[in-house]
Amino acid sequence: MLRENPFTSDWLGARRDDSRRPRGGMSYVMGVSGEPLRFMTVPAMLDRAVSKYGGSDAAIFAESQERISWSELKRRSDEIAAGLLALGVERGDRVGIWAPNRLEWLLVQFGSARIGAILVNINPAYRASELDYTLKKTACRVLVMARGLKSSNYIETFNTLAPEISSAQGGEPLTLGGYPSLEHVVLIGSGPDHPGMLPFDQLGRLGGPAQRNRLEGLSERLDPDDAINIQFTSGTTGQPKGATLSHFNIVNNARGCRDCMQLGEDDLLCIPVPLYHIFGMGMGVLVCVASGATMVFPGESFDPEATLRAVADYRCTALHGVPAMFLGQLEHPDFHKYDLSSLRTGIMAGSPCPVATMRRVISDMHLSQITIAYGMTETSPISFQSDVDDTLERRVSTVGRVFPHLEVKIIDRSGRMVPVGSQGELCTRGYAVMLGYWDDPEATREAIDAAGWMHTGDLATLDPEGYCNIVGRLKEMLIRGGENIYPREIEDYLIRHPKVMESQVFGVPDPHLGEEVCTWIKLKPGMTATEEEIRDFCRGQIAHFKVPRYVRFVDELPATVTGKAQKFLMRQKMIEELGLPEGKTA
C-alpha cells in the first residue's frame, strides 16, 4: 500500500502514466512531472526544513550518541559560516573537508553553503599523493580535516606534504610553499593542539556580530546556478576529475529521490554510506532536508553490525547502501539478532546489484519498497530509479525508469539512437547535468557534447516500458564496492616500481564488492617479483580500495596490432583461472 504524501501526489501520478515509454521504437525517454523544478539554493532548502520541522531530530549519530534538531543544525552551521567569514572566506572560495561521517561534516556542508563557498569533498581513504592533487587542483583556501580514521593518521599525512606548518603561528594565515592558496587548516576532534591548525571548536566561535549580521544577506544573494560542490571522480585522463555541481543540480535531484521513496517527516533514514560521496551527501543528507526525515549515522565508516544495531535501536524505516554493504549485513553472523521489521524503503546503488542479493534484502531485511537507483556524480547523481510500487521482477532486474525532468537516449558508436532493446551508450540531458569538471574544460567538452548530453560511458538498454538495464561500460572505469576506480591511476603508480616494465589494470567480478582490482604485470628483463611485493608497494601510497587484489606476472600483454591493450582478453582469462561467477545484475 502506498503511503499518502501530499508533497508527492502529482509527481507520482505523472510517474505512473505512459509518458516514460520510448516512442517510435527508438531508445529515447523523457521524465515528466506535475511537480515543477525549484529554483532554490541549499540554504533556502534548509531554512524551509527548519520552518517546518524545527525541534524534530535532524540527525542522530549512533556511535557518539549525538542528536541535533533542525533548528540546532541551522544555528550551529551558521556559527561555522560566520567563522569561515572571519577567516576571510568569500563566495566562490573552496573549502575542503577531509573527514569521515561526523556531525562536523554536516556543519561544514551547510555552513559553507550559507556563504556561497564551494565545498570540496575529499575521500577519507586518500593518501598523500591524492590529497596533494586535490588541494592543488581546487586551490582550497581552507581545509577542514579529521585527526584520522582507523589506521590513517591525517595529521602525519598532511605534515609530510607541508612540513612548514609545524612552525606556523597560531591563528595567522598560513604560508605553505606547495599550497599558496591554503590559508587555514581546521582540525576536527579532541586531542592535543597542533601548530598551525585551528581546533574546530574555535572555528564556531570566531565569528562576531559583524559576520553573523552578514549571513542572511549573503544567502539571499546566492544564485541557484552557482557552483556549490566539487566531487572528485575518476576520469579518462587517469587523474581524478572534479565534477562541479550547482545548488539547482543537487536540490532538485534530492527532491526527486525523496518522492521516489515516498519519504516523509516520520521516516528515519539510516546512512552508512560515506558523506564525502554524492550518495551520502546528496541522496542521504539532502533527501532528508527535502523531506524532514531524520538522518541516522551508524558510525564514522561502514560497519555491518553497527548498521544493523542502528536500524534496530532507532527503528529506522529506510536504509541506503551499495550492494556490498547490504551483503555484509545479510551475512553477518549476528544478523538474526537484530529486529529490522521497521524497515520499508531505501536505495541500493553505487555498483551493479546482484539479483540474488536484492531478493534477500527484500525478504530478509523487510525492505519491501527498496529501490534501485542509477546515475553518476556528474548527473547529481540519479537519472534512473525504480518506484516503490514497481513489481519485484522490475526492481531486481532493472534500474527503474527515467527521473522527472531528465532526457535519456541510447546511441551507437556513430552517435545515432539505437532501437528499443539494443545496446548502446547511455546519455543524459537536463537540469541534473553538472556544470563541468573543475578547471578542466577539455575533459568537460569530452563528457558533455554541444547539445548538452552527458555521455556516461555506460552500455545500457531500454525496454518498451522505459525500464533501463545497465549491461556494461564503454569506459574502462571499474566500480569496487561503490568506489569509482580508473585503471590508469593505478597503472601510472605501478610503473614507478623499479622492477615493472608495463602493467594493465582491470576489474574482475566479485560477489561482495561487484568488482575487484586485478593487474597483469610485465617485469623488466631479468627481474623477479612476488604478488605481495607489488601490493606492499601500493599500500599506504594509494587508497586501499585501489590496491590490486589479484596480481599476475606475464611475459607479454595482449594487445592489438596498433598496441592497444586488450583488457577484455585479460579479464576473460582471469575469470576462467579464478572460477569467478558473473552473476546477473541490475
Protein backbone atom coordinates (compact mmCIF):
# COMPACT_ATOMS: atom_id res chain seq x y z
CA MET A 1 0.00 0.00 0.00
CA LEU A 2 1.44 3.39 -0.97
CA ARG A 3 1.95 5.97 1.72
CA GLU A 4 -0.09 9.14 1.48
CA ASN A 5 2.18 12.13 0.98
CA PRO A 6 0.69 15.49 -0.01
CA PHE A 7 4.01 16.67 -1.42
CA THR A 8 4.31 13.83 -3.92
CA SER A 9 0.86 13.04 -5.26
CA ASP A 10 1.22 14.97 -8.54
CA TRP A 11 4.73 13.69 -9.07
CA LEU A 12 3.74 10.06 -8.53
CA GLY A 13 0.74 10.42 -10.78
CA ALA A 14 2.98 11.53 -13.59
CA ARG A 15 5.35 8.65 -12.81
CA ARG A 16 2.57 6.07 -13.30
CA ASP A 17 1.39 7.15 -16.74
CA ASP A 18 2.83 6.12 -20.09
CA SER A 19 4.95 9.26 -20.55
CA ARG A 20 8.19 7.46 -19.79
CA ARG A 21 7.84 4.85 -22.52
CA PRO A 22 10.08 5.11 -25.58
CA ARG A 23 8.29 6.42 -28.64
CA GLY A 24 8.64 5.34 -32.25
CA GLY A 25 10.59 2.23 -31.34
CA MET A 26 13.76 4.20 -30.55
CA SER A 27 15.71 4.38 -27.28
CA TYR A 28 14.75 7.85 -26.08
CA VAL A 29 12.76 8.67 -22.94
CA MET A 30 11.89 11.85 -21.07
CA GLY A 31 10.71 12.13 -17.48
CA VAL A 32 7.74 14.41 -16.90
CA SER A 33 6.23 15.52 -13.63
CA GLY A 34 3.37 17.52 -12.21
CA GLU A 35 5.87 18.79 -9.63
CA PRO A 36 7.95 21.62 -11.12
CA LEU A 37 11.67 22.07 -10.56
CA ARG A 38 12.53 24.52 -7.78
CA PHE A 39 15.00 27.34 -8.42
CA MET A 40 16.30 27.08 -4.87
CA THR A 41 19.61 27.08 -3.03
CA VAL A 42 20.78 24.60 -0.41
CA PRO A 43 20.49 27.21 2.41
CA ALA A 44 16.94 28.02 1.31
CA MET A 45 16.02 24.34 1.43
CA LEU A 46 17.50 24.04 4.93
CA ASP A 47 15.59 27.14 6.06
CA ARG A 48 12.39 25.57 4.74
CA ALA A 49 13.10 22.39 6.73
CA VAL A 50 13.73 24.41 9.89
CA SER A 51 10.45 26.30 9.49
CA LYS A 52 8.50 23.06 9.02
CA TYR A 53 10.27 20.62 11.36
CA GLY A 54 12.10 22.91 13.83
CA GLY A 55 12.56 20.95 17.04
CA SER A 56 12.40 17.48 15.47
CA ASP A 57 15.56 15.41 15.17
CA ALA A 58 17.53 16.24 12.05
CA ALA A 59 20.37 13.81 12.72
CA ILE A 60 21.40 11.10 15.16
CA PHE A 61 24.98 9.86 15.39
CA ALA A 62 24.71 6.42 16.97
CA GLU A 63 28.39 5.95 17.80
CA SER A 64 28.72 9.22 19.75
CA GLN A 65 25.05 9.35 20.86
CA GLU A 66 24.77 12.91 19.50
CA ARG A 67 21.39 14.26 18.43
CA ILE A 68 20.73 17.55 16.71
CA SER A 69 17.41 19.16 15.78
CA TRP A 70 16.75 21.04 12.57
CA SER A 71 16.83 24.37 14.41
CA GLU A 72 20.09 23.47 16.13
CA LEU A 73 21.61 22.28 12.86
CA LYS A 74 20.92 25.67 11.31
CA ARG A 75 22.20 27.56 14.36
CA ARG A 76 25.44 25.63 14.59
CA SER A 77 26.10 25.58 10.86
CA ASP A 78 25.56 29.36 10.84
CA GLU A 79 28.26 29.60 13.52
CA ILE A 80 30.60 27.78 11.16
CA ALA A 81 29.54 30.08 8.33
CA ALA A 82 30.37 33.13 10.45
CA GLY A 83 33.69 31.55 11.44
CA LEU A 84 34.59 31.00 7.79
CA LEU A 85 33.78 34.63 7.08
CA ALA A 86 36.10 35.61 9.92
CA LEU A 87 38.86 33.60 8.23
CA GLY A 88 38.30 35.61 5.07
CA VAL A 89 36.38 33.01 3.05
CA GLU A 90 34.28 34.59 0.31
CA ARG A 91 31.65 33.45 -2.16
CA GLY A 92 33.24 31.06 -4.65
CA ASP A 93 36.23 30.17 -2.45
CA ARG A 94 36.89 26.47 -1.99
CA VAL A 95 36.62 24.83 1.42
CA GLY A 96 37.91 21.27 1.56
CA ILE A 97 36.67 18.67 4.01
CA TRP A 98 38.67 15.51 4.69
CA ALA A 99 36.78 13.57 7.32
CA PRO A 100 34.58 10.53 7.92
CA ASN A 101 30.88 10.65 8.85
CA ARG A 102 30.70 13.06 11.77
CA LEU A 103 28.46 15.91 12.87
CA GLU A 104 31.17 18.39 11.86
CA TRP A 105 30.77 17.24 8.26
CA LEU A 106 27.15 18.41 8.23
CA LEU A 107 28.04 21.70 9.89
CA VAL A 108 30.71 22.43 7.28
CA GLN A 109 28.41 21.33 4.45
CA PHE A 110 25.67 23.78 5.41
CA GLY A 111 27.98 26.45 6.84
CA SER A 112 29.99 26.74 3.64
CA ALA A 113 26.80 26.72 1.54
CA ARG A 114 25.34 29.57 3.60
CA ILE A 115 28.06 31.98 2.40
CA GLY A 116 28.39 30.59 -1.13
CA ALA A 117 31.72 28.83 -0.62
CA ILE A 118 32.29 25.71 -2.72
CA LEU A 119 32.68 22.54 -0.67
CA VAL A 120 35.41 20.17 -1.89
CA ASN A 121 34.71 16.59 -0.80
CA ILE A 122 37.94 14.69 -0.10
CA ASN A 123 37.81 10.91 0.17
CA PRO A 124 38.74 9.79 3.72
CA ALA A 125 40.79 6.97 2.17
CA TYR A 126 43.03 9.36 0.22
CA ARG A 127 46.76 9.13 0.81
CA ALA A 128 49.35 11.88 0.46
CA SER A 129 49.60 11.98 -3.35
CA GLU A 130 45.83 12.08 -3.80
CA LEU A 131 45.34 14.76 -1.15
CA ASP A 132 48.14 16.80 -2.73
CA TYR A 133 46.48 16.63 -6.15
CA THR A 134 43.05 17.59 -4.80
CA LEU A 135 44.27 20.62 -2.81
CA LYS A 136 46.29 21.94 -5.71
CA LYS A 137 43.64 21.33 -8.34
CA THR A 138 40.92 23.21 -6.44
CA ALA A 139 43.16 25.81 -4.74
CA CYS A 140 41.40 25.30 -1.41
CA ARG A 141 41.52 28.31 0.89
CA VAL A 142 40.52 26.31 3.98
CA LEU A 143 40.94 22.62 4.75
CA VAL A 144 38.80 21.08 7.49
CA MET A 145 40.24 17.70 8.44
CA ALA A 146 39.81 14.94 10.99
CA ARG A 147 42.73 13.63 13.01
CA GLY A 148 42.49 10.31 11.23
CA LEU A 149 40.38 7.27 10.50
CA LYS A 150 41.26 3.73 11.50
CA SER A 151 44.94 3.24 10.59
CA SER A 152 45.21 6.51 8.66
CA ASN A 153 46.83 9.43 10.51
CA TYR A 154 45.71 12.54 8.65
CA ILE A 155 47.94 14.87 10.64
CA GLU A 156 51.08 12.90 9.74
CA THR A 157 49.98 12.73 6.11
CA PHE A 158 49.44 16.47 5.91
CA ASN A 159 52.73 17.20 7.68
CA THR A 160 54.61 15.20 5.03
CA LEU A 161 53.12 17.47 2.37
CA ALA A 162 53.58 20.74 4.24
CA PRO A 163 56.19 20.29 7.00
CA GLU A 164 56.47 24.05 7.46
CA ILE A 165 53.06 24.06 9.18
CA SER A 166 54.77 22.80 12.35
CA SER A 167 56.44 26.20 12.77
CA ALA A 168 53.38 28.30 11.86
CA GLN A 169 51.99 30.85 14.31
CA GLY A 170 48.59 30.01 15.72
CA GLY A 171 45.70 31.99 14.25
CA GLU A 172 47.76 33.59 11.49
CA PRO A 173 47.16 32.79 7.79
CA LEU A 174 49.46 30.01 6.69
CA THR A 175 52.27 30.37 4.20
CA LEU A 176 52.79 26.93 2.71
CA GLY A 177 55.15 26.72 -0.24
CA GLY A 178 53.34 23.90 -2.02
CA TYR A 179 49.87 25.34 -1.39
CA PRO A 180 49.89 29.11 -1.85
CA SER A 181 46.08 29.38 -1.69
CA LEU A 182 45.68 27.35 1.53
CA GLU A 183 45.49 29.83 4.41
CA HIS A 184 43.88 27.80 7.20
CA VAL A 185 43.73 24.17 8.36
CA VAL A 186 40.95 23.36 10.83
CA LEU A 187 41.31 20.22 12.95
CA ILE A 188 38.29 18.13 13.98
CA GLY A 189 38.18 16.04 17.15
CA SER A 190 39.51 16.02 20.67
CA GLY A 191 43.22 15.72 21.35
CA PRO A 192 46.32 17.84 21.60
CA ASP A 193 46.59 21.06 19.62
CA HIS A 194 48.88 21.07 16.61
CA PRO A 195 50.90 24.06 15.41
CA GLY A 196 49.29 25.92 12.56
CA MET A 197 45.97 24.09 12.90
CA LEU A 198 42.84 25.72 14.30
CA PRO A 199 40.66 23.50 16.55
CA PHE A 200 37.20 23.06 15.06
CA ASP A 201 35.50 24.24 18.25
CA GLN A 202 37.28 27.57 17.91
CA LEU A 203 36.08 28.00 14.32
CA GLY A 204 32.49 28.22 15.55
CA ARG A 205 33.47 31.00 17.99
CA LEU A 206 35.45 33.15 15.57
CA GLY A 207 32.52 34.95 14.02
CA GLY A 208 31.33 38.08 15.77
CA PRO A 209 28.25 40.26 15.27
CA ALA A 210 29.67 41.70 12.06
CA GLN A 211 29.93 38.27 10.45
CA ARG A 212 26.63 36.98 11.80
CA ASN A 213 24.77 40.02 10.54
CA ARG A 214 26.04 39.33 7.02
CA LEU A 215 24.73 35.78 6.77
CA GLU A 216 21.13 36.45 5.78
CA GLY A 217 22.10 38.92 3.11
CA LEU A 218 24.74 36.61 1.69
CA SER A 219 22.28 33.73 1.50
CA GLU A 220 19.69 35.85 -0.28
CA ARG A 221 22.20 36.91 -2.93
CA LEU A 222 23.20 33.34 -3.81
CA ASP A 223 22.22 32.10 -7.25
CA PRO A 224 20.87 28.53 -7.52
CA ASP A 225 23.07 28.14 -10.59
CA ASP A 226 26.20 28.86 -8.52
CA ALA A 227 28.69 26.04 -8.02
CA ILE A 228 28.28 24.64 -4.51
CA ASN A 229 30.19 21.36 -4.51
CA ILE A 230 33.18 19.67 -6.14
CA GLN A 231 33.11 15.87 -6.08
CA PHE A 232 36.15 14.01 -7.35
CA THR A 233 35.60 11.07 -9.63
CA SER A 234 38.00 9.16 -11.83
CA GLY A 235 38.19 10.08 -15.49
CA THR A 236 39.76 9.39 -18.84
CA THR A 237 42.98 11.29 -18.08
CA GLY A 238 43.86 8.83 -15.31
CA GLN A 239 43.67 11.59 -12.68
CA PRO A 240 40.56 12.24 -10.58
CA LYS A 241 38.30 14.91 -12.06
CA GLY A 242 36.28 17.38 -10.01
CA ALA A 243 32.64 17.17 -11.01
CA THR A 244 31.28 20.61 -10.18
CA LEU A 245 27.64 20.70 -9.07
CA SER A 246 25.26 23.60 -8.52
CA HIS A 247 22.57 24.22 -5.91
CA PHE A 248 20.00 23.67 -8.67
CA ASN A 249 21.56 20.31 -9.57
CA ILE A 250 21.56 18.73 -6.15
CA VAL A 251 18.45 20.33 -4.62
CA ASN A 252 16.16 19.07 -7.37
CA ASN A 253 17.75 15.64 -7.61
CA ALA A 254 17.29 15.21 -3.87
CA ARG A 255 13.63 16.21 -4.14
CA GLY A 256 13.07 13.66 -6.89
CA CYS A 257 14.78 10.98 -4.84
CA ARG A 258 12.60 11.85 -1.83
CA ASP A 259 9.45 11.47 -3.88
CA CYS A 260 10.51 8.21 -5.46
CA MET A 261 10.96 6.65 -2.00
CA GLN A 262 7.89 8.48 -0.62
CA LEU A 263 9.99 9.67 2.29
CA GLY A 264 8.39 11.97 4.85
CA GLU A 265 8.96 13.56 8.24
CA ASP A 266 8.03 10.38 10.10
CA ASP A 267 10.82 8.41 8.47
CA LEU A 268 14.30 7.71 9.83
CA LEU A 269 16.91 7.11 7.13
CA CYS A 270 19.98 5.07 8.11
CA ILE A 271 23.03 6.41 6.23
CA PRO A 272 26.06 4.10 6.42
CA VAL A 273 27.40 5.37 3.08
CA PRO A 274 30.18 8.00 3.28
CA LEU A 275 29.30 11.67 3.33
CA TYR A 276 32.16 12.60 1.01
CA HIS A 277 30.32 10.67 -1.73
CA ILE A 278 27.28 12.05 -3.56
CA PHE A 279 25.36 9.01 -2.27
CA GLY A 280 25.74 10.15 1.34
CA MET A 281 25.74 13.90 0.86
CA GLY A 282 23.01 14.12 -1.78
CA MET A 283 20.83 11.02 -1.68
CA GLY A 284 21.21 10.89 2.10
CA VAL A 285 21.55 14.30 3.75
CA LEU A 286 19.78 16.47 1.20
CA VAL A 287 16.94 13.97 0.75
CA CYS A 288 16.30 14.27 4.48
CA VAL A 289 16.41 18.06 4.28
CA ALA A 290 13.84 17.88 1.49
CA SER A 291 11.55 15.52 3.41
CA GLY A 292 12.07 16.24 7.11
CA ALA A 293 13.18 12.62 7.66
CA THR A 294 15.75 12.04 10.41
CA MET A 295 19.29 11.07 9.38
CA VAL A 296 20.77 8.19 11.39
CA PHE A 297 24.53 7.64 11.07
CA PRO A 298 25.69 4.27 12.47
CA GLY A 299 29.37 5.23 12.67
CA GLU A 300 32.26 7.12 11.13
CA SER A 301 32.64 4.47 8.45
CA PHE A 302 30.69 1.41 7.40
CA ASP A 303 30.46 -1.50 9.80
CA PRO A 304 27.79 -4.16 9.15
CA GLU A 305 26.88 -4.81 12.77
CA ALA A 306 26.86 -1.13 13.71
CA THR A 307 24.43 -0.54 10.85
CA LEU A 308 22.16 -3.39 11.94
CA ARG A 309 22.27 -2.11 15.52
CA ALA A 310 21.40 1.45 14.49
CA VAL A 311 18.43 0.27 12.41
CA ALA A 312 17.13 -1.81 15.32
CA ASP A 313 17.81 0.71 18.10
CA TYR A 314 16.29 3.72 16.34
CA ARG A 315 13.61 1.82 14.39
CA CYS A 316 14.81 3.17 11.06
CA THR A 317 12.32 2.98 8.22
CA ALA A 318 14.79 3.44 5.37
CA LEU A 319 18.31 2.24 4.63
CA HIS A 320 20.84 3.21 1.96
CA GLY A 321 23.85 1.27 0.76
CA VAL A 322 25.87 -0.19 -2.05
CA PRO A 323 25.27 -3.92 -2.70
CA ALA A 324 28.41 -4.89 -0.76
CA MET A 325 27.04 -3.14 2.35
CA PHE A 326 23.72 -4.97 2.20
CA LEU A 327 25.51 -8.27 1.63
CA GLY A 328 27.82 -7.58 4.57
CA GLN A 329 24.81 -7.15 6.83
CA LEU A 330 22.97 -10.20 5.49
CA GLU A 331 25.99 -12.42 6.04
CA HIS A 332 26.92 -11.09 9.47
CA PRO A 333 26.83 -13.97 12.00
CA ASP A 334 24.57 -11.97 14.34
CA PHE A 335 22.19 -10.78 11.60
CA HIS A 336 19.17 -12.58 13.05
CA LYS A 337 19.64 -10.98 16.48
CA TYR A 338 18.51 -7.59 15.17
CA ASP A 339 14.89 -6.59 14.65
CA LEU A 340 14.70 -4.92 11.24
CA SER A 341 10.93 -5.05 10.93
CA SER A 342 10.67 -1.24 10.94
CA LEU A 343 12.41 -1.00 7.55
CA ARG A 344 10.38 -0.15 4.47
CA THR A 345 12.40 1.59 1.77
CA GLY A 346 15.79 2.93 0.80
CA ILE A 347 18.21 2.88 -2.10
CA MET A 348 20.67 0.30 -3.32
CA ALA A 349 23.07 1.92 -5.78
CA GLY A 350 26.73 2.64 -6.46
CA SER A 351 27.59 -0.56 -8.34
CA PRO A 352 25.72 -3.32 -10.19
CA CYS A 353 23.30 -5.08 -7.88
CA PRO A 354 23.24 -8.89 -7.90
CA VAL A 355 19.67 -10.06 -8.33
CA ALA A 356 20.09 -12.68 -5.59
CA THR A 357 21.20 -10.00 -3.11
CA MET A 358 18.24 -7.80 -3.99
CA ARG A 359 15.82 -10.65 -3.34
CA ARG A 360 17.39 -11.35 0.07
CA VAL A 361 17.24 -7.67 1.00
CA ILE A 362 13.52 -7.59 0.26
CA SER A 363 12.69 -10.85 2.02
CA ASP A 364 15.14 -10.92 4.96
CA MET A 365 15.55 -7.22 5.76
CA HIS A 366 11.86 -6.28 5.39
CA LEU A 367 12.72 -3.72 2.70
CA SER A 368 9.55 -4.36 0.73
CA GLN A 369 9.83 -0.99 -1.04
CA ILE A 370 13.61 -0.85 -1.56
CA THR A 371 14.54 0.94 -4.79
CA ILE A 372 17.41 0.61 -7.22
CA ALA A 373 18.98 3.82 -8.49
CA TYR A 374 21.39 4.50 -11.32
CA GLY A 375 23.37 7.60 -12.07
CA MET A 376 26.77 9.17 -11.76
CA THR A 377 28.35 12.01 -9.82
CA GLU A 378 28.23 14.12 -12.97
CA THR A 379 24.41 13.89 -13.03
CA SER A 380 23.87 14.89 -9.39
CA PRO A 381 23.59 11.78 -9.30
CA ILE A 382 20.34 9.94 -10.16
CA SER A 383 18.92 9.62 -13.65
CA PHE A 384 17.01 6.32 -13.22
CA GLN A 385 15.26 4.91 -10.18
CA SER A 386 12.70 2.20 -9.57
CA ASP A 387 9.43 3.06 -7.87
CA VAL A 388 8.37 1.59 -4.53
CA ASP A 389 5.34 0.02 -6.24
CA ASP A 390 7.24 -1.49 -9.16
CA THR A 391 6.92 -5.27 -9.39
CA LEU A 392 9.58 -7.37 -7.70
CA GLU A 393 10.86 -8.52 -11.08
CA ARG A 394 11.27 -4.91 -12.27
CA ARG A 395 13.11 -3.93 -9.10
CA VAL A 396 15.53 -6.85 -9.16
CA SER A 397 16.30 -6.85 -12.88
CA THR A 398 16.37 -3.15 -13.93
CA VAL A 399 17.40 0.24 -12.56
CA GLY A 400 13.90 1.62 -12.99
CA ARG A 401 12.70 4.40 -15.25
CA VAL A 402 13.92 7.87 -16.09
CA PHE A 403 13.84 10.60 -13.44
CA PRO A 404 11.43 13.55 -13.86
CA HIS A 405 12.64 16.45 -15.99
CA LEU A 406 15.52 14.45 -17.49
CA GLU A 407 16.04 13.11 -21.00
CA VAL A 408 17.91 9.91 -21.80
CA LYS A 409 18.91 8.43 -25.12
CA ILE A 410 20.97 5.39 -26.04
CA ILE A 411 23.30 5.73 -29.01
CA ASP A 412 25.64 3.62 -31.08
CA ARG A 413 29.30 4.47 -31.70
CA SER A 414 28.39 6.81 -34.54
CA GLY A 415 26.05 8.80 -32.30
CA ARG A 416 22.78 7.53 -33.75
CA MET A 417 19.95 6.40 -31.49
CA VAL A 418 19.50 2.64 -31.31
CA PRO A 419 16.18 0.77 -31.44
CA VAL A 420 14.46 -0.23 -28.20
CA GLY A 421 16.15 -3.29 -26.75
CA SER A 422 19.50 -2.65 -28.45
CA GLN A 423 22.67 -1.89 -26.57
CA GLY A 424 24.39 1.46 -26.76
CA GLU A 425 25.93 4.24 -24.72
CA LEU A 426 23.55 5.92 -22.28
CA CYS A 427 23.46 9.73 -22.50
CA THR A 428 21.63 12.07 -20.10
CA ARG A 429 20.48 15.67 -20.56
CA GLY A 430 18.67 18.09 -18.26
CA TYR A 431 18.87 20.02 -15.01
CA ALA A 432 20.99 17.36 -13.25
CA VAL A 433 23.99 17.51 -15.60
CA MET A 434 26.98 19.04 -13.82
CA LEU A 435 28.37 22.48 -14.58
CA GLY A 436 31.58 20.78 -15.73
CA TYR A 437 34.85 19.39 -14.44
CA TRP A 438 36.66 21.91 -12.25
CA ASP A 439 39.41 23.73 -14.14
CA ASP A 440 39.32 21.15 -16.93
CA PRO A 441 37.47 22.49 -19.99
CA GLU A 442 38.89 19.82 -22.28
CA ALA A 443 37.59 16.95 -20.14
CA THR A 444 34.25 18.77 -19.85
CA ARG A 445 33.94 19.00 -23.65
CA GLU A 446 34.74 15.30 -23.93
CA ALA A 447 31.97 14.42 -21.47
CA ILE A 448 29.22 16.91 -22.40
CA ASP A 449 28.55 17.48 -26.07
CA ALA A 450 27.43 20.69 -27.75
CA ALA A 451 23.77 19.74 -27.34
CA GLY A 452 24.13 19.28 -23.58
CA TRP A 453 24.19 15.47 -23.49
CA MET A 454 26.32 13.90 -20.77
CA HIS A 455 27.99 10.81 -22.25
CA THR A 456 28.12 8.33 -19.39
CA GLY A 457 30.31 5.66 -20.94
CA ASP A 458 27.83 3.03 -19.72
CA LEU A 459 26.28 0.48 -22.04
CA ALA A 460 22.53 0.17 -21.50
CA THR A 461 19.26 -1.00 -22.97
CA LEU A 462 15.69 0.33 -22.71
CA ASP A 463 12.69 -1.96 -22.86
CA PRO A 464 9.31 -0.98 -24.38
CA GLU A 465 8.06 0.21 -20.95
CA GLY A 466 11.04 2.51 -20.46
CA TYR A 467 12.84 0.39 -17.87
CA CYS A 468 16.62 0.56 -18.15
CA ASN A 469 19.24 -2.12 -17.69
CA ILE A 470 22.95 -1.35 -17.43
CA VAL A 471 24.83 -4.08 -19.28
CA GLY A 472 28.43 -2.88 -19.23
CA ARG A 473 30.74 0.08 -19.64
CA LEU A 474 32.37 1.64 -22.66
CA LYS A 475 34.93 3.34 -20.49
CA GLU A 476 37.39 1.24 -18.55
CA MET A 477 36.45 2.58 -15.14
CA LEU A 478 35.65 -0.17 -12.68
CA ILE A 479 33.48 0.07 -9.57
CA ARG A 480 34.57 -1.67 -6.38
CA GLY A 481 32.03 -1.51 -3.56
CA GLY A 482 30.67 1.79 -4.87
CA GLU A 483 34.12 3.36 -5.32
CA ASN A 484 34.88 4.51 -8.85
CA ILE A 485 38.39 3.44 -9.87
CA TYR A 486 40.13 4.35 -13.09
CA PRO A 487 42.82 1.82 -14.02
CA ARG A 488 45.16 4.45 -15.43
CA GLU A 489 45.74 5.90 -11.95
CA ILE A 490 46.96 2.54 -10.65
CA GLU A 491 48.95 1.79 -13.81
CA ASP A 492 50.73 5.14 -13.54
CA TYR A 493 51.69 4.33 -9.97
CA LEU A 494 52.80 0.74 -10.63
CA ILE A 495 55.16 1.85 -13.39
CA ARG A 496 57.20 3.62 -10.69
CA HIS A 497 58.18 0.26 -9.25
CA PRO A 498 61.81 -0.36 -10.24
CA LYS A 499 61.02 -3.88 -11.49
CA VAL A 500 57.88 -3.10 -13.51
CA MET A 501 58.13 -2.52 -17.26
CA GLU A 502 54.42 -2.35 -18.02
CA SER A 503 51.13 -3.01 -16.27
CA GLN A 504 47.49 -3.27 -17.20
CA VAL A 505 44.75 -2.91 -14.58
CA PHE A 506 41.16 -4.07 -14.97
CA GLY A 507 38.21 -5.30 -12.95
CA VAL A 508 37.06 -8.87 -12.39
CA PRO A 509 33.71 -9.90 -10.88
CA ASP A 510 33.36 -10.15 -7.12
CA PRO A 511 30.18 -11.39 -5.38
CA HIS A 512 30.55 -8.95 -2.47
CA LEU A 513 32.05 -5.77 -3.98
CA GLY A 514 30.80 -6.01 -7.55
CA GLU A 515 34.35 -5.88 -8.91
CA GLU A 516 37.88 -6.35 -7.62
CA VAL A 517 41.08 -4.81 -8.93
CA CYS A 518 43.36 -7.06 -10.97
CA THR A 519 46.67 -6.23 -12.62
CA TRP A 520 48.77 -8.04 -15.18
CA ILE A 521 52.42 -7.01 -14.98
CA LYS A 522 55.32 -7.42 -17.39
CA LEU A 523 58.58 -7.16 -15.47
CA LYS A 524 61.85 -5.74 -16.72
CA PRO A 525 64.27 -8.31 -18.17
CA GLY A 526 65.97 -10.43 -15.53
CA MET A 527 63.69 -9.22 -12.73
CA THR A 528 61.52 -11.32 -10.44
CA ALA A 529 58.85 -10.19 -8.01
CA THR A 530 56.05 -11.55 -5.84
CA GLU A 531 52.40 -10.60 -5.70
CA GLU A 532 52.76 -9.40 -2.11
CA GLU A 533 55.73 -7.22 -3.07
CA ILE A 534 53.53 -5.39 -5.57
CA ARG A 535 50.72 -4.96 -3.06
CA ASP A 536 53.15 -3.73 -0.39
CA PHE A 537 54.43 -1.15 -2.87
CA CYS A 538 50.88 0.19 -3.17
CA ARG A 539 49.79 0.08 0.46
CA GLY A 540 49.88 3.43 2.18
CA GLN A 541 50.62 5.21 -1.10
CA ILE A 542 47.32 4.88 -2.93
CA ALA A 543 43.84 4.47 -1.44
CA HIS A 544 43.27 1.00 -0.02
CA PHE A 545 40.43 0.24 -2.42
CA LYS A 546 42.80 0.74 -5.37
CA VAL A 547 45.36 -1.82 -4.18
CA PRO A 548 45.14 -4.82 -6.57
CA ARG A 549 43.71 -7.94 -5.04
CA TYR A 550 44.92 -10.09 -7.92
CA VAL A 551 48.42 -9.76 -9.38
CA ARG A 552 49.69 -11.82 -12.28
CA PHE A 553 53.13 -11.71 -13.94
CA VAL A 554 53.14 -12.35 -17.70
CA ASP A 555 55.73 -12.40 -20.46
CA GLU A 556 53.52 -10.42 -22.84
CA LEU A 557 50.38 -8.33 -22.50
CA PRO A 558 47.64 -8.97 -25.08
CA ALA A 559 47.37 -6.05 -27.48
CA THR A 560 46.04 -5.14 -30.92
CA VAL A 561 48.33 -4.57 -33.88
CA THR A 562 48.22 -0.87 -33.02
CA GLY A 563 49.38 -1.54 -29.45
CA LYS A 564 46.05 -1.03 -27.66
CA ALA A 565 45.72 -3.31 -24.64
CA GLN A 566 43.04 -5.98 -24.96
CA LYS A 567 41.79 -5.93 -21.39
CA PHE A 568 38.72 -7.96 -22.23
CA LEU A 569 41.00 -10.91 -23.01
CA MET A 570 42.86 -10.48 -19.72
CA ARG A 571 39.60 -10.26 -17.83
CA GLN A 572 38.19 -13.36 -19.51
CA LYS A 573 41.37 -15.30 -18.72
CA MET A 574 41.25 -14.28 -15.02
CA ILE A 575 37.57 -15.21 -14.73
CA GLU A 576 38.38 -18.67 -16.07
CA GLU A 577 41.51 -19.07 -13.95
CA LEU A 578 39.82 -17.98 -10.71
CA GLY A 579 36.49 -19.64 -11.44
CA LEU A 580 34.63 -16.40 -10.84
CA PRO A 581 30.87 -16.35 -11.48
CA GLU A 582 29.48 -13.47 -13.49
CA GLY A 583 26.16 -13.12 -11.71
CA LYS A 584 23.20 -11.41 -13.30
CA THR A 585 22.90 -7.81 -12.13
CA ALA A 586 20.51 -4.93 -12.49
